[in-house]
Amino acid sequence: MDSLTESEMRTIARLQREAGVQRLSCHFPWSEFCDERQCFHQEFVYDAAMFAVARGFPWSNVIGAAVVARNIFPHLEGLETPKLLSLVKDALSECIPKLTLVHQYEFTRYITDICTSRRQLFQAVVDGATDLSITQQHLEVHLPPTPCPLTQGTELHEWEHQQQLAKLILALQQKEEELERLRNGTRVTVECTDIPGDEQLDKEALVKAVRAAVKATEGQILESLDQEATLLNEILELKLQHTVLATRRLHNPLSSSSGHVSTNSAKTKVHTGKTKK
């Protein structure tokens, strides 16, 4: 570690991440781990040092921050936040006793935040569980359709007009289908009356039974005709609305074009008047 001078740390800070990790790692012993955990350990130390650089630590304190990170990493297993704060505080007072209070707070918060947010990861690494398999779920993402170019798009008022027409056409189709079912269906349902074969009905009773059946039939016919009249009225109203929308669509371009013609005529008159002068 004595080879890690301030000028060397400046050089490391200017390198790319991978090269910086390798060069910084050459200045420390790594006897704690001999497997994949050693790489995590080295990257942890490099990230802590670069944080100190970004916060404007003096270069001597940047070296101290790297030493602190190197020393506390092997002890991160199972640490709760209070114990972690105590560990960082003791390491700072030992390695960087002259660090300002602001820098102490920033570095302690950095170590605490990164270890808390990635607690399971650090515990798995320090505990030697680097070869655990991770189950990943792949979700299929459906992107929205690519919009048409502006030259192929539809104006807002035209789109709204098309939507209104589509709703009218659908409602008209439903009403016409309902009318067809009504006309093709059975309008009258006659209830069957069982008459014993051994009994004879007099003329008055027979006329009374026929009149009751006719009256019931008449009510069903009137109700069916009333439904048909209502449907015809609704169909007529929908057709009228459809005609109004179609007529409005035809007249709108004419009104706009006439406005352009009148404007052009006015410009022509003004231009002619200036010419006469």
Protein backbone atom coordinates (compact mmCIF):
# COMPACT_ATOMS: atom_id res chain seq x y z
CA MET A 1 0.00 0.00 0.00
CA ASP A 2 2.96 2.32 0.47
CA SER A 3 3.31 2.43 -3.32
CA LEU A 4 -0.10 4.12 -3.59
CA THR A 5 0.99 7.75 -3.70
CA GLU A 6 -1.12 10.83 -4.42
CA SER A 7 0.25 11.10 -7.97
CA GLU A 8 -0.55 7.42 -8.55
CA MET A 9 -4.10 7.97 -7.32
CA ARG A 10 -4.49 10.89 -9.74
CA THR A 11 -3.42 8.61 -12.56
CA ILE A 12 -5.88 5.91 -11.48
CA ALA A 13 -8.73 8.43 -11.32
CA ARG A 14 -8.13 9.36 -14.97
CA LEU A 15 -8.32 5.76 -16.21
CA GLN A 16 -11.37 3.90 -17.43
CA ARG A 17 -13.16 1.81 -14.81
CA GLU A 18 -11.74 -1.59 -15.72
CA ALA A 19 -8.18 -0.33 -16.04
CA GLY A 20 -8.57 1.73 -12.84
CA VAL A 21 -9.76 -1.30 -10.86
CA GLN A 22 -6.80 -3.37 -12.03
CA ARG A 23 -4.21 -0.68 -11.31
CA LEU A 24 -5.61 0.20 -7.89
CA SER A 25 -5.77 -3.49 -6.97
CA CYS A 26 -2.03 -3.83 -7.53
CA HIS A 27 -1.38 -1.69 -4.45
CA PHE A 28 -3.24 -3.88 -1.92
CA PRO A 29 -2.99 -7.48 -0.71
CA TRP A 30 -6.12 -9.56 -1.29
CA SER A 31 -5.68 -12.48 1.04
CA GLU A 32 -9.26 -12.52 2.35
CA PHE A 33 -10.79 -14.13 -0.75
CA CYS A 34 -9.38 -16.34 -3.47
CA ASP A 35 -12.44 -16.79 -5.70
CA GLU A 36 -14.94 -14.55 -7.50
CA ARG A 37 -15.45 -12.57 -4.29
CA GLN A 38 -12.02 -11.00 -4.77
CA CYS A 39 -13.31 -9.17 -7.88
CA PHE A 40 -16.28 -7.79 -5.94
CA HIS A 41 -13.91 -6.72 -3.17
CA GLN A 42 -11.63 -4.85 -5.59
CA GLU A 43 -14.54 -3.11 -7.35
CA PHE A 44 -15.98 -2.05 -4.00
CA VAL A 45 -12.68 -0.41 -3.05
CA TYR A 46 -12.37 1.32 -6.43
CA ASP A 47 -15.95 2.69 -6.27
CA ALA A 48 -15.37 4.07 -2.78
CA ALA A 49 -12.17 5.79 -3.91
CA MET A 50 -13.88 7.32 -6.96
CA PHE A 51 -16.68 8.58 -4.73
CA ALA A 52 -14.12 10.36 -2.60
CA VAL A 53 -12.57 11.87 -5.73
CA ALA A 54 -15.97 13.08 -6.93
CA ARG A 55 -16.67 14.72 -3.54
CA GLY A 56 -13.39 16.62 -3.61
CA PHE A 57 -11.51 14.75 -0.91
CA PRO A 58 -7.80 15.60 -0.68
CA TRP A 59 -5.77 12.94 -2.46
CA SER A 60 -4.36 11.67 0.81
CA ASN A 61 -7.90 11.18 2.09
CA VAL A 62 -8.89 9.47 -1.18
CA ILE A 63 -6.20 6.89 -0.44
CA GLY A 64 -7.57 6.60 3.10
CA ALA A 65 -11.10 6.06 1.75
CA ALA A 66 -9.83 3.18 -0.38
CA VAL A 67 -8.13 1.66 2.69
CA VAL A 68 -11.34 1.99 4.73
CA ALA A 69 -13.40 0.30 2.00
CA ARG A 70 -10.87 -2.51 1.70
CA ASN A 71 -10.86 -3.16 5.46
CA ILE A 72 -14.63 -3.16 6.06
CA PHE A 73 -15.73 -5.24 3.05
CA PRO A 74 -14.89 -8.66 4.58
CA HIS A 75 -16.99 -7.76 7.65
CA LEU A 76 -20.23 -6.82 5.87
CA GLU A 77 -21.89 -10.20 6.36
CA GLY A 78 -25.02 -9.95 8.51
CA LEU A 79 -24.40 -6.37 9.63
CA GLU A 80 -27.41 -4.28 10.56
CA THR A 81 -27.39 -0.52 10.00
CA PRO A 82 -26.28 0.50 13.55
CA LYS A 83 -23.36 -1.95 13.51
CA LEU A 84 -22.43 -0.86 10.00
CA LEU A 85 -22.34 2.81 11.08
CA SER A 86 -20.14 1.91 14.03
CA LEU A 87 -17.79 -0.09 11.79
CA VAL A 88 -17.41 2.77 9.29
CA LYS A 89 -16.92 5.34 12.04
CA ASP A 90 -14.15 3.33 13.70
CA ALA A 91 -12.43 2.71 10.35
CA LEU A 92 -12.54 6.42 9.45
CA SER A 93 -11.11 7.51 12.78
CA GLU A 94 -8.30 4.99 12.39
CA CYS A 95 -7.39 5.53 8.73
CA ILE A 96 -8.41 9.16 8.10
CA PRO A 97 -8.37 10.95 11.46
CA LYS A 98 -8.11 14.41 9.85
CA LEU A 99 -11.12 14.01 7.54
CA THR A 100 -13.54 16.93 7.83
CA LEU A 101 -16.95 16.40 9.37
CA VAL A 102 -18.68 17.05 6.05
CA HIS A 103 -16.59 14.47 4.26
CA GLN A 104 -17.05 12.03 7.12
CA TYR A 105 -20.81 12.39 6.83
CA GLU A 106 -20.79 12.04 3.02
CA PHE A 107 -18.57 8.97 3.02
CA THR A 108 -20.46 7.29 5.87
CA ARG A 109 -23.76 7.92 4.09
CA TYR A 110 -22.35 6.54 0.84
CA ILE A 111 -21.17 3.30 2.46
CA THR A 112 -24.40 2.93 4.43
CA ASP A 113 -26.68 3.59 1.46
CA ILE A 114 -24.87 1.25 -0.91
CA CYS A 115 -24.64 -1.54 1.67
CA THR A 116 -28.28 -1.15 2.73
CA SER A 117 -29.76 -1.00 -0.76
CA ARG A 118 -27.65 -3.99 -1.87
CA ARG A 119 -27.59 -5.86 1.43
CA GLN A 120 -28.58 -9.24 0.04
CA LEU A 121 -26.00 -8.95 -2.73
CA PHE A 122 -23.15 -8.04 -0.39
CA GLN A 123 -24.11 -10.72 2.11
CA ALA A 124 -24.22 -13.33 -0.65
CA VAL A 125 -20.81 -12.23 -1.94
CA VAL A 126 -19.10 -12.08 1.44
CA ASP A 127 -20.73 -15.36 2.50
CA GLY A 128 -19.36 -17.09 -0.59
CA ALA A 129 -22.66 -17.61 -2.42
CA THR A 130 -21.36 -16.29 -5.72
CA ASP A 131 -22.29 -19.44 -7.57
CA LEU A 132 -25.98 -19.35 -6.72
CA SER A 133 -28.33 -19.52 -9.65
CA ILE A 134 -30.74 -16.62 -10.11
CA THR A 135 -34.21 -17.18 -11.50
CA GLN A 136 -35.14 -14.57 -14.06
CA GLN A 137 -38.51 -13.97 -15.57
CA HIS A 138 -38.66 -12.73 -19.14
CA LEU A 139 -41.68 -10.57 -19.79
CA GLU A 140 -42.81 -9.97 -23.32
CA VAL A 141 -43.15 -6.29 -24.09
CA HIS A 142 -45.62 -5.25 -26.76
CA LEU A 143 -44.67 -1.93 -28.28
CA PRO A 144 -47.41 0.41 -29.49
CA PRO A 145 -48.01 0.48 -33.23
CA THR A 146 -45.86 2.82 -35.25
CA PRO A 147 -47.85 5.94 -36.04
CA CYS A 148 -48.41 6.91 -39.65
CA PRO A 149 -46.41 9.79 -41.11
CA LEU A 150 -48.05 13.17 -40.75
CA THR A 151 -48.82 13.22 -44.46
CA GLN A 152 -50.87 10.02 -44.03
CA GLY A 153 -52.53 10.99 -40.79
CA THR A 154 -56.05 12.24 -40.12
CA GLU A 155 -57.06 15.63 -38.81
CA LEU A 156 -58.67 15.62 -35.38
CA HIS A 157 -62.02 16.93 -36.55
CA GLU A 158 -62.04 14.37 -39.37
CA TRP A 159 -61.27 11.54 -36.94
CA GLU A 160 -64.05 12.67 -34.60
CA HIS A 161 -66.41 12.83 -37.57
CA GLN A 162 -65.49 9.27 -38.56
CA GLN A 163 -66.08 8.04 -35.00
CA GLN A 164 -69.55 9.61 -34.92
CA LEU A 165 -70.43 8.05 -38.25
CA ALA A 166 -69.21 4.65 -37.09
CA LYS A 167 -71.35 4.83 -33.95
CA LEU A 168 -74.42 5.83 -35.96
CA ILE A 169 -73.90 3.03 -38.47
CA LEU A 170 -73.51 0.47 -35.69
CA ALA A 171 -76.63 1.68 -33.85
CA LEU A 172 -78.60 1.72 -37.12
CA GLN A 173 -77.52 -1.84 -37.92
CA GLN A 174 -78.59 -3.05 -34.48
CA LYS A 175 -82.01 -1.42 -34.75
CA GLU A 176 -82.62 -2.85 -38.23
CA GLU A 177 -81.68 -6.35 -37.04
CA GLU A 178 -84.05 -5.97 -34.08
CA LEU A 179 -86.86 -4.87 -36.43
CA GLU A 180 -86.23 -7.84 -38.69
CA ARG A 181 -86.40 -10.25 -35.77
CA LEU A 182 -89.67 -8.68 -34.65
CA ARG A 183 -91.26 -8.95 -38.10
CA ASN A 184 -90.07 -12.51 -38.66
CA GLY A 185 -91.03 -13.67 -35.19
CA THR A 186 -94.37 -14.79 -33.81
CA ARG A 187 -96.56 -11.83 -33.01
CA VAL A 188 -99.40 -13.76 -31.38
CA THR A 189 -99.29 -16.59 -28.86
CA VAL A 190 -102.58 -18.37 -28.24
CA GLU A 191 -103.00 -20.33 -25.06
CA CYS A 192 -104.56 -23.75 -25.51
CA THR A 193 -107.71 -24.51 -23.50
CA ASP A 194 -108.49 -28.12 -22.76
CA ILE A 195 -112.15 -28.94 -23.37
CA PRO A 196 -113.37 -32.36 -22.20
CA GLY A 197 -114.75 -34.43 -25.02
CA ASP A 198 -117.76 -35.65 -23.10
CA GLU A 199 -119.08 -32.18 -22.33
CA GLN A 200 -120.98 -30.01 -24.76
CA LEU A 201 -120.67 -26.20 -24.75
CA ASP A 202 -123.70 -24.09 -25.45
CA LYS A 203 -123.53 -21.31 -27.98
CA GLU A 204 -123.16 -18.51 -25.42
CA ALA A 205 -120.21 -20.16 -23.67
CA LEU A 206 -118.50 -20.82 -26.99
CA VAL A 207 -118.88 -17.19 -28.09
CA LYS A 208 -117.53 -16.04 -24.75
CA ALA A 209 -114.43 -18.24 -25.10
CA VAL A 210 -113.80 -17.00 -28.64
CA ARG A 211 -114.13 -13.36 -27.62
CA ALA A 212 -111.63 -13.85 -24.77
CA ALA A 213 -109.12 -15.42 -27.15
CA VAL A 214 -109.60 -12.63 -29.71
CA LYS A 215 -109.15 -9.97 -27.01
CA ALA A 216 -105.90 -11.54 -25.84
CA THR A 217 -104.68 -11.78 -29.39
CA GLU A 218 -105.59 -8.15 -30.06
CA GLY A 219 -103.48 -6.96 -27.12
CA GLN A 220 -100.45 -8.91 -28.34
CA ILE A 221 -100.84 -7.52 -31.87
CA LEU A 222 -101.13 -3.95 -30.59
CA GLU A 223 -98.04 -4.38 -28.42
CA SER A 224 -96.09 -5.82 -31.36
CA LEU A 225 -97.20 -2.99 -33.66
CA ASP A 226 -96.23 -0.44 -31.01
CA GLN A 227 -92.73 -1.97 -30.79
CA GLU A 228 -92.41 -1.93 -34.57
CA ALA A 229 -93.49 1.73 -34.73
CA THR A 230 -90.95 2.65 -32.04
CA LEU A 231 -88.15 0.86 -33.90
CA LEU A 232 -89.11 2.51 -37.20
CA ASN A 233 -89.06 5.91 -35.52
CA GLU A 234 -85.61 5.25 -34.01
CA ILE A 235 -84.28 4.00 -37.36
CA LEU A 236 -85.60 7.10 -39.10
CA GLU A 237 -83.96 9.32 -36.49
CA LEU A 238 -80.59 7.55 -36.90
CA LYS A 239 -80.78 7.84 -40.69
CA LEU A 240 -81.54 11.54 -40.34
CA GLN A 241 -78.51 12.03 -38.08
CA HIS A 242 -76.36 10.11 -40.56
CA THR A 243 -77.55 12.35 -43.39
CA VAL A 244 -76.81 15.50 -41.37
CA LEU A 245 -73.26 14.35 -40.63
CA ALA A 246 -72.61 13.37 -44.23
CA THR A 247 -73.98 16.71 -45.48
CA ARG A 248 -71.88 18.66 -42.98
CA ARG A 249 -68.77 16.84 -44.19
CA LEU A 250 -69.52 17.81 -47.79
CA HIS A 251 -70.17 21.48 -47.01
CA ASN A 252 -67.18 22.17 -44.75
CA PRO A 253 -64.55 22.05 -47.54
CA LEU A 254 -66.72 24.32 -49.67
CA SER A 255 -66.96 26.96 -46.95
CA SER A 256 -63.21 26.91 -46.36
CA SER A 257 -62.41 27.04 -50.07
CA SER A 258 -64.86 29.91 -50.59
CA GLY A 259 -63.08 31.80 -47.84
CA HIS A 260 -59.80 31.35 -49.70
CA VAL A 261 -61.41 32.52 -52.95
CA SER A 262 -62.88 35.65 -51.36
CA THR A 263 -59.53 36.44 -49.74
CA ASN A 264 -57.69 36.00 -53.03
CA SER A 265 -60.27 38.21 -54.79
CA ALA A 266 -59.76 40.95 -52.22
CA LYS A 267 -56.00 40.76 -52.67
CA THR A 268 -56.47 40.97 -56.43
CA LYS A 269 -58.63 44.09 -56.11
CA VAL A 270 -56.12 45.79 -53.86
CA HIS A 271 -53.31 44.92 -56.22
CA THR A 272 -55.29 46.27 -59.19
CA GLY A 273 -56.03 49.50 -57.37
CA LYS A 274 -52.36 50.03 -56.65
CA THR A 275 -51.56 49.44 -60.28
CA LYS A 276 -54.02 52.10 -61.42
CA LYS A 277 -52.38 54.65 -59.18
